[in-house]
Every structure is written in C-alpha cells, then in structure tokens.
Amino acid sequence: MNTLAQTGLQYPVLAHFLTTGAILFALGLVGFLSRRNLIIVFLCTELMFQGVVVTLVALSKYHMNITGQTFVIFVLTIAACEAALALALVVLLYRRKRTLDSQSLQELSG
C-alpha cells in the first residue's frame, strides 16, 4: 500500500484550506450581490457560511485547538435556523406575490 509520501503527493497545507474557504465565501458573495431570485440569494448566503466553516476548521486544526471546531457547531446550528426561517419567508412571499424576484419587493423598503 502506497503512502502519500511515497506517491509524491503533498499533504494539503493551511493555505489550501484558507484559499478554499475564501473562494467559497467570494462565490457566495458574488451570487448574493448579483442575483435577484430569493432562493438563489439564500443559497449564496449558505455558501458564504460554508466558506467560513472551512476556514474555522482549518485554523483550529492548524493551531491544535478545539475552539474553532466547537464554534463550527454553533455556526451550523445558526445556519440551520436561518435556513428554516428563510424558507418560510420565501414561501410566504411567493404565496402573496407569486414571484421570487427580489426587485418586485420594493414596497417592503422604507
């Protein structure tokens, strides 16, 4: 059985995980700012949360500290609550307006 060192592959370093987290967050932010469909906007916020989670886990593993991984559990719990509330609001808005376009919801702004 070949080990990772024998095959010439390198172990992923912290920079790889931080780059992955930053890319996930950036893609979510671009989608959040550029899309008008409320479901897509919601999914982009979840993608931003996952980018933060990857970064927290990588940093906690790198510093040999369990605090970051514990914080991830709280972030995922908050994300699940946010998902339930956002889905309920999207369903309510769709029933009232018959559209999920965020531009059609201008009457909600002050």
Protein backbone atom coordinates (compact mmCIF):
# COMPACT_ATOMS: atom_id res chain seq x y z
CA MET A 1 0.00 0.00 0.00
CA ASN A 2 1.45 3.35 -1.04
CA THR A 3 1.52 6.15 1.46
CA LEU A 4 1.00 9.74 0.47
CA ALA A 5 4.73 10.48 0.73
CA GLN A 6 5.67 7.50 -1.46
CA THR A 7 3.40 8.61 -4.29
CA GLY A 8 4.99 12.05 -4.41
CA LEU A 9 1.83 13.86 -3.35
CA GLN A 10 1.99 16.50 -0.67
CA TYR A 11 -0.26 16.92 2.29
CA PRO A 12 -2.58 19.90 1.97
CA VAL A 13 -1.22 22.86 3.86
CA LEU A 14 -3.16 25.54 5.69
CA ALA A 15 -3.04 27.87 2.69
CA HIS A 16 -5.01 25.38 0.59
CA PHE A 17 -7.85 25.29 3.08
CA LEU A 18 -7.84 29.04 3.59
CA THR A 19 -7.91 29.56 -0.17
CA THR A 20 -10.82 27.13 -0.49
CA GLY A 21 -12.73 28.94 2.26
CA ALA A 22 -12.05 32.32 0.67
CA ILE A 23 -13.17 31.08 -2.76
CA LEU A 24 -16.39 29.67 -1.31
CA PHE A 25 -17.08 32.92 0.52
CA ALA A 26 -16.28 35.04 -2.54
CA LEU A 27 -18.52 32.95 -4.82
CA GLY A 28 -21.34 33.24 -2.31
CA LEU A 29 -20.85 36.99 -2.01
CA VAL A 30 -20.86 37.48 -5.79
CA GLY A 31 -24.02 35.41 -6.09
CA PHE A 32 -25.66 37.26 -3.22
CA LEU A 33 -24.95 40.65 -4.76
CA SER A 34 -25.75 39.78 -8.37
CA ARG A 35 -28.82 37.52 -8.26
CA ARG A 36 -32.44 38.56 -7.94
CA ASN A 37 -34.11 35.22 -7.22
CA LEU A 38 -34.62 34.91 -3.47
CA ILE A 39 -33.86 31.18 -3.39
CA ILE A 40 -30.54 31.72 -5.17
CA VAL A 41 -29.72 34.58 -2.79
CA PHE A 42 -30.49 32.29 0.14
CA LEU A 43 -28.27 29.52 -1.26
CA CYS A 44 -25.45 32.03 -1.75
CA THR A 45 -25.63 33.04 1.91
CA GLU A 46 -25.35 29.36 2.82
CA LEU A 47 -22.29 29.10 0.57
CA MET A 48 -20.75 32.04 2.42
CA PHE A 49 -21.43 30.27 5.73
CA GLN A 50 -19.69 27.15 4.43
CA GLY A 51 -16.65 29.19 3.43
CA VAL A 52 -16.43 30.47 6.99
CA VAL A 53 -16.83 26.93 8.34
CA VAL A 54 -13.96 25.60 6.19
CA THR A 55 -11.74 28.44 7.38
CA LEU A 56 -12.61 27.91 11.05
CA VAL A 57 -11.96 24.18 10.91
CA ALA A 58 -8.65 24.67 9.09
CA LEU A 59 -7.44 27.28 11.56
CA SER A 60 -8.46 25.23 14.59
CA LYS A 61 -6.73 22.15 13.18
CA TYR A 62 -3.60 24.17 12.40
CA HIS A 63 -3.41 25.67 15.90
CA MET A 64 -4.27 22.33 17.57
CA ASN A 65 -7.19 23.99 19.34
CA ILE A 66 -10.69 22.56 19.56
CA THR A 67 -12.31 26.00 19.98
CA GLY A 68 -12.70 26.62 16.24
CA GLN A 69 -14.30 23.24 15.69
CA THR A 70 -16.67 23.86 18.58
CA PHE A 71 -17.56 27.24 17.11
CA VAL A 72 -18.38 25.48 13.82
CA ILE A 73 -21.14 23.54 15.57
CA PHE A 74 -22.72 26.82 16.66
CA VAL A 75 -22.34 28.31 13.17
CA LEU A 76 -24.02 25.27 11.60
CA THR A 77 -26.83 25.46 14.16
CA ILE A 78 -27.40 29.12 13.35
CA ALA A 79 -27.28 28.32 9.63
CA ALA A 80 -29.94 25.64 10.07
CA CYS A 81 -32.20 28.07 11.94
CA GLU A 82 -31.59 30.70 9.29
CA ALA A 83 -32.44 28.17 6.59
CA ALA A 84 -35.76 27.33 8.21
CA LEU A 85 -36.72 30.98 8.66
CA ALA A 86 -35.61 31.98 5.17
CA LEU A 87 -37.52 29.12 3.57
CA ALA A 88 -40.66 30.06 5.49
CA LEU A 89 -40.32 33.70 4.41
CA VAL A 90 -39.72 32.74 0.78
CA VAL A 91 -42.81 30.52 0.76
CA LEU A 92 -44.87 33.31 2.35
CA LEU A 93 -43.65 35.89 -0.17
CA TYR A 94 -44.30 33.54 -3.07
CA ARG A 95 -47.86 32.92 -1.90
CA ARG A 96 -48.54 36.65 -1.67
CA LYS A 97 -46.67 37.97 -4.72
CA ARG A 98 -46.48 34.90 -7.00
CA THR A 99 -42.86 35.74 -7.76
CA LEU A 100 -39.44 35.23 -6.19
CA ASP A 101 -37.83 38.24 -7.86
CA SER A 102 -36.31 40.48 -5.21
CA GLN A 103 -36.83 43.59 -7.37
CA SER A 104 -40.59 43.12 -7.17
CA LEU A 105 -40.47 43.54 -3.39
CA GLN A 106 -39.74 47.26 -3.43
CA GLU A 107 -42.77 48.10 -1.32
CA LEU A 108 -41.06 46.50 1.68
CA SER A 109 -38.24 49.05 1.61
CA GLY A 110 -38.76 52.21 3.64
